[in-house]
Amino acid sequence: MQIESNQIVCPACGAEGLQSFPVFHHLICAYVGPAYDFELGTSGYSCPKCRRNIGPNDMTCEIVGTSARCDECRREMVVSP
C-alpha cells in the first residue's frame, strides 16, 4: 500500500498516528528495510542481516525511501517520494 507524505490517517483502519521511518539499503549485503529493523547502538546502527556496524555518514548504507507504520493496526506502507 502506498500513501502520500502528508497523510496522517491510516488507510487500513482509519486511525490517526502514522509514524514515518527512513528505509535503509546496506550496500555490503544488499539488505533493504526500515530503520527499526536495524539495531541502534552507541556507534550507529547494526545491520540485521550481516550484523556489521553502520556508523554515521557510512558510505556503505544509503536511504532509499520512506515507510510509514500505523500505531494502531501496525500495517506498514510505502510513502510516495
N, C-alpha and C. Protein backbone atom coordinates (compact mmCIF):
# COMPACT_ATOMS: atom_id res chain seq x y z
N MET A 1 0.84 -1.16 0.00
CA MET A 1 0.00 0.00 0.00
C MET A 1 0.89 1.23 0.00
N GLN A 2 0.52 2.23 -0.76
CA GLN A 2 1.30 3.45 -0.87
C GLN A 2 0.46 4.63 -0.41
N ILE A 3 1.09 5.55 0.33
CA ILE A 3 0.40 6.74 0.83
C ILE A 3 1.20 7.98 0.46
N GLU A 4 0.57 9.13 0.61
CA GLU A 4 1.24 10.41 0.38
C GLU A 4 1.99 10.83 1.63
N SER A 5 3.00 11.64 1.48
CA SER A 5 3.86 12.03 2.61
C SER A 5 3.13 12.87 3.64
N ASN A 6 2.05 13.55 3.27
CA ASN A 6 1.32 14.39 4.21
C ASN A 6 0.14 13.68 4.85
N GLN A 7 -0.03 12.40 4.55
CA GLN A 7 -1.17 11.64 5.08
C GLN A 7 -0.93 11.30 6.55
N ILE A 8 -1.96 11.54 7.40
CA ILE A 8 -1.82 11.26 8.82
C ILE A 8 -2.80 10.19 9.31
N VAL A 9 -3.73 9.77 8.44
CA VAL A 9 -4.71 8.76 8.81
C VAL A 9 -4.39 7.45 8.10
N CYS A 10 -4.43 6.36 8.84
CA CYS A 10 -4.14 5.05 8.27
C CYS A 10 -5.24 4.64 7.30
N PRO A 11 -4.89 4.29 6.06
CA PRO A 11 -5.90 3.88 5.09
C PRO A 11 -6.50 2.51 5.40
N ALA A 12 -5.84 1.72 6.24
CA ALA A 12 -6.32 0.38 6.57
C ALA A 12 -7.36 0.40 7.69
N CYS A 13 -7.10 1.17 8.76
CA CYS A 13 -8.01 1.14 9.91
C CYS A 13 -8.64 2.49 10.24
N GLY A 14 -8.15 3.56 9.63
CA GLY A 14 -8.72 4.89 9.86
C GLY A 14 -8.19 5.62 11.07
N ALA A 15 -7.26 5.02 11.78
CA ALA A 15 -6.70 5.66 12.98
C ALA A 15 -5.67 6.72 12.61
N GLU A 16 -5.56 7.72 13.45
CA GLU A 16 -4.50 8.72 13.28
C GLU A 16 -3.27 8.21 14.01
N GLY A 17 -2.11 8.63 13.58
CA GLY A 17 -0.89 8.25 14.27
C GLY A 17 0.04 7.41 13.43
N LEU A 18 0.26 7.83 12.20
CA LEU A 18 1.24 7.14 11.36
C LEU A 18 2.64 7.64 11.72
N GLN A 19 3.57 6.72 11.88
CA GLN A 19 4.96 7.08 12.12
C GLN A 19 5.76 6.83 10.84
N SER A 20 6.64 7.76 10.51
CA SER A 20 7.47 7.62 9.32
C SER A 20 8.88 7.20 9.70
N PHE A 21 9.49 6.36 8.86
CA PHE A 21 10.83 5.86 9.09
C PHE A 21 11.60 5.86 7.77
N PRO A 22 12.90 6.20 7.79
CA PRO A 22 13.70 6.06 6.57
C PRO A 22 13.90 4.59 6.25
N VAL A 23 14.02 4.28 4.96
CA VAL A 23 14.31 2.91 4.51
C VAL A 23 15.77 2.88 4.11
N PHE A 24 16.54 2.00 4.76
CA PHE A 24 17.97 1.88 4.52
C PHE A 24 18.27 0.78 3.52
N HIS A 25 19.32 0.98 2.73
CA HIS A 25 19.87 -0.05 1.85
C HIS A 25 21.32 -0.23 2.25
N HIS A 26 21.64 -1.40 2.82
CA HIS A 26 23.01 -1.68 3.21
C HIS A 26 23.72 -2.30 2.02
N LEU A 27 24.62 -1.58 1.43
CA LEU A 27 25.26 -1.98 0.18
C LEU A 27 26.15 -3.22 0.32
N ILE A 28 26.68 -3.48 1.49
CA ILE A 28 27.56 -4.61 1.71
C ILE A 28 26.82 -5.94 1.49
N CYS A 29 25.63 -6.06 2.06
CA CYS A 29 24.89 -7.33 1.99
C CYS A 29 23.57 -7.21 1.23
N ALA A 30 23.25 -6.01 0.75
CA ALA A 30 22.05 -5.73 -0.04
C ALA A 30 20.76 -5.78 0.77
N TYR A 31 20.83 -5.69 2.10
CA TYR A 31 19.61 -5.68 2.91
C TYR A 31 18.92 -4.33 2.75
N VAL A 32 17.61 -4.36 2.55
CA VAL A 32 16.79 -3.15 2.46
C VAL A 32 15.67 -3.29 3.47
N GLY A 33 15.54 -2.29 4.33
CA GLY A 33 14.48 -2.33 5.33
C GLY A 33 14.36 -1.01 6.07
N PRO A 34 13.25 -0.83 6.80
CA PRO A 34 13.07 0.40 7.57
C PRO A 34 14.05 0.49 8.72
N ALA A 35 14.26 1.70 9.20
CA ALA A 35 15.26 1.95 10.24
C ALA A 35 15.02 1.10 11.48
N TYR A 36 13.76 0.77 11.81
CA TYR A 36 13.51 -0.01 13.02
C TYR A 36 13.96 -1.47 12.89
N ASP A 37 14.30 -1.93 11.69
CA ASP A 37 14.88 -3.27 11.53
C ASP A 37 16.35 -3.29 11.96
N PHE A 38 17.01 -2.14 11.91
CA PHE A 38 18.42 -2.03 12.24
C PHE A 38 18.55 -1.68 13.73
N GLU A 39 19.35 -2.47 14.46
CA GLU A 39 19.56 -2.19 15.88
C GLU A 39 20.36 -0.92 16.05
N LEU A 40 19.89 -0.06 16.95
CA LEU A 40 20.59 1.18 17.24
C LEU A 40 21.53 0.94 18.41
N GLY A 41 22.82 1.21 18.17
CA GLY A 41 23.84 1.03 19.21
C GLY A 41 24.50 2.35 19.54
N THR A 42 25.55 2.29 20.31
CA THR A 42 26.26 3.51 20.71
C THR A 42 27.03 4.15 19.56
N SER A 43 27.45 3.34 18.58
CA SER A 43 28.25 3.88 17.48
C SER A 43 27.47 3.91 16.16
N GLY A 44 26.16 3.78 16.21
CA GLY A 44 25.35 3.81 15.00
C GLY A 44 24.40 2.63 14.97
N TYR A 45 24.16 2.13 13.78
CA TYR A 45 23.23 1.01 13.60
C TYR A 45 23.99 -0.29 13.36
N SER A 46 23.28 -1.40 13.52
CA SER A 46 23.80 -2.72 13.21
C SER A 46 22.85 -3.37 12.21
N CYS A 47 23.39 -3.88 11.11
CA CYS A 47 22.57 -4.49 10.06
C CYS A 47 21.96 -5.80 10.57
N PRO A 48 20.66 -6.00 10.38
CA PRO A 48 20.03 -7.24 10.86
C PRO A 48 20.43 -8.47 10.05
N LYS A 49 20.94 -8.29 8.84
CA LYS A 49 21.31 -9.43 8.00
C LYS A 49 22.75 -9.87 8.24
N CYS A 50 23.69 -8.94 8.13
CA CYS A 50 25.11 -9.31 8.23
C CYS A 50 25.73 -8.93 9.58
N ARG A 51 25.00 -8.20 10.41
CA ARG A 51 25.45 -7.79 11.76
C ARG A 51 26.63 -6.82 11.77
N ARG A 52 26.96 -6.25 10.63
CA ARG A 52 28.05 -5.26 10.60
C ARG A 52 27.54 -3.93 11.14
N ASN A 53 28.46 -3.15 11.73
CA ASN A 53 28.13 -1.83 12.23
C ASN A 53 28.05 -0.84 11.08
N ILE A 54 27.13 0.09 11.20
CA ILE A 54 26.95 1.16 10.22
C ILE A 54 27.05 2.47 10.99
N GLY A 55 28.14 3.18 10.79
CA GLY A 55 28.37 4.42 11.52
C GLY A 55 27.75 5.61 10.83
N PRO A 56 27.80 6.77 11.49
CA PRO A 56 27.30 8.00 10.88
C PRO A 56 28.07 8.31 9.59
N ASN A 57 27.39 8.75 8.57
CA ASN A 57 27.96 9.08 7.27
C ASN A 57 28.70 7.91 6.63
N ASP A 58 28.28 6.69 6.93
CA ASP A 58 28.89 5.48 6.38
C ASP A 58 28.49 5.35 4.91
N MET A 59 29.48 5.22 4.04
CA MET A 59 29.22 5.16 2.60
C MET A 59 28.67 3.80 2.16
N THR A 60 28.58 2.83 3.06
CA THR A 60 28.05 1.51 2.72
C THR A 60 26.55 1.40 2.96
N CYS A 61 25.93 2.50 3.37
CA CYS A 61 24.50 2.48 3.64
C CYS A 61 23.87 3.77 3.10
N GLU A 62 22.72 3.61 2.45
CA GLU A 62 22.04 4.78 1.89
C GLU A 62 20.55 4.72 2.24
N ILE A 63 19.93 5.88 2.29
CA ILE A 63 18.48 5.96 2.49
C ILE A 63 17.84 5.96 1.11
N VAL A 64 16.95 4.99 0.87
CA VAL A 64 16.34 4.84 -0.45
C VAL A 64 14.86 5.20 -0.49
N GLY A 65 14.30 5.55 0.64
CA GLY A 65 12.89 5.92 0.66
C GLY A 65 12.39 6.10 2.07
N THR A 66 11.06 6.14 2.20
CA THR A 66 10.41 6.31 3.49
C THR A 66 9.26 5.32 3.61
N SER A 67 9.12 4.76 4.79
CA SER A 67 7.98 3.89 5.06
C SER A 67 7.20 4.48 6.22
N ALA A 68 5.96 4.06 6.37
CA ALA A 68 5.14 4.50 7.48
C ALA A 68 4.52 3.27 8.13
N ARG A 69 4.27 3.38 9.43
CA ARG A 69 3.64 2.28 10.16
C ARG A 69 2.57 2.86 11.07
N CYS A 70 1.40 2.22 11.10
CA CYS A 70 0.28 2.67 11.92
C CYS A 70 0.50 2.23 13.36
N ASP A 71 0.31 3.15 14.29
CA ASP A 71 0.45 2.84 15.71
C ASP A 71 -0.65 1.88 16.19
N GLU A 72 -1.80 1.95 15.55
CA GLU A 72 -2.96 1.16 15.98
C GLU A 72 -2.95 -0.27 15.43
N CYS A 73 -2.96 -0.42 14.10
CA CYS A 73 -3.08 -1.75 13.48
C CYS A 73 -1.74 -2.34 13.04
N ARG A 74 -0.65 -1.56 13.15
CA ARG A 74 0.71 -1.98 12.80
C ARG A 74 0.93 -2.27 11.32
N ARG A 75 -0.01 -1.85 10.44
CA ARG A 75 0.19 -2.02 8.99
C ARG A 75 1.34 -1.14 8.55
N GLU A 76 2.08 -1.60 7.55
CA GLU A 76 3.20 -0.83 7.01
C GLU A 76 2.87 -0.39 5.61
N MET A 77 3.29 0.82 5.25
CA MET A 77 3.03 1.40 3.95
C MET A 77 4.27 2.07 3.40
N VAL A 78 4.33 2.20 2.09
CA VAL A 78 5.40 2.94 1.41
C VAL A 78 4.90 4.37 1.24
N VAL A 79 5.77 5.33 1.51
CA VAL A 79 5.42 6.75 1.36
C VAL A 79 5.90 7.21 -0.02
N SER A 80 5.00 7.85 -0.78
CA SER A 80 5.37 8.38 -2.10
C SER A 80 6.49 9.39 -1.97
N PRO A 81 7.43 9.35 -2.94
CA PRO A 81 8.53 10.32 -2.89
C PRO A 81 8.05 11.73 -3.17
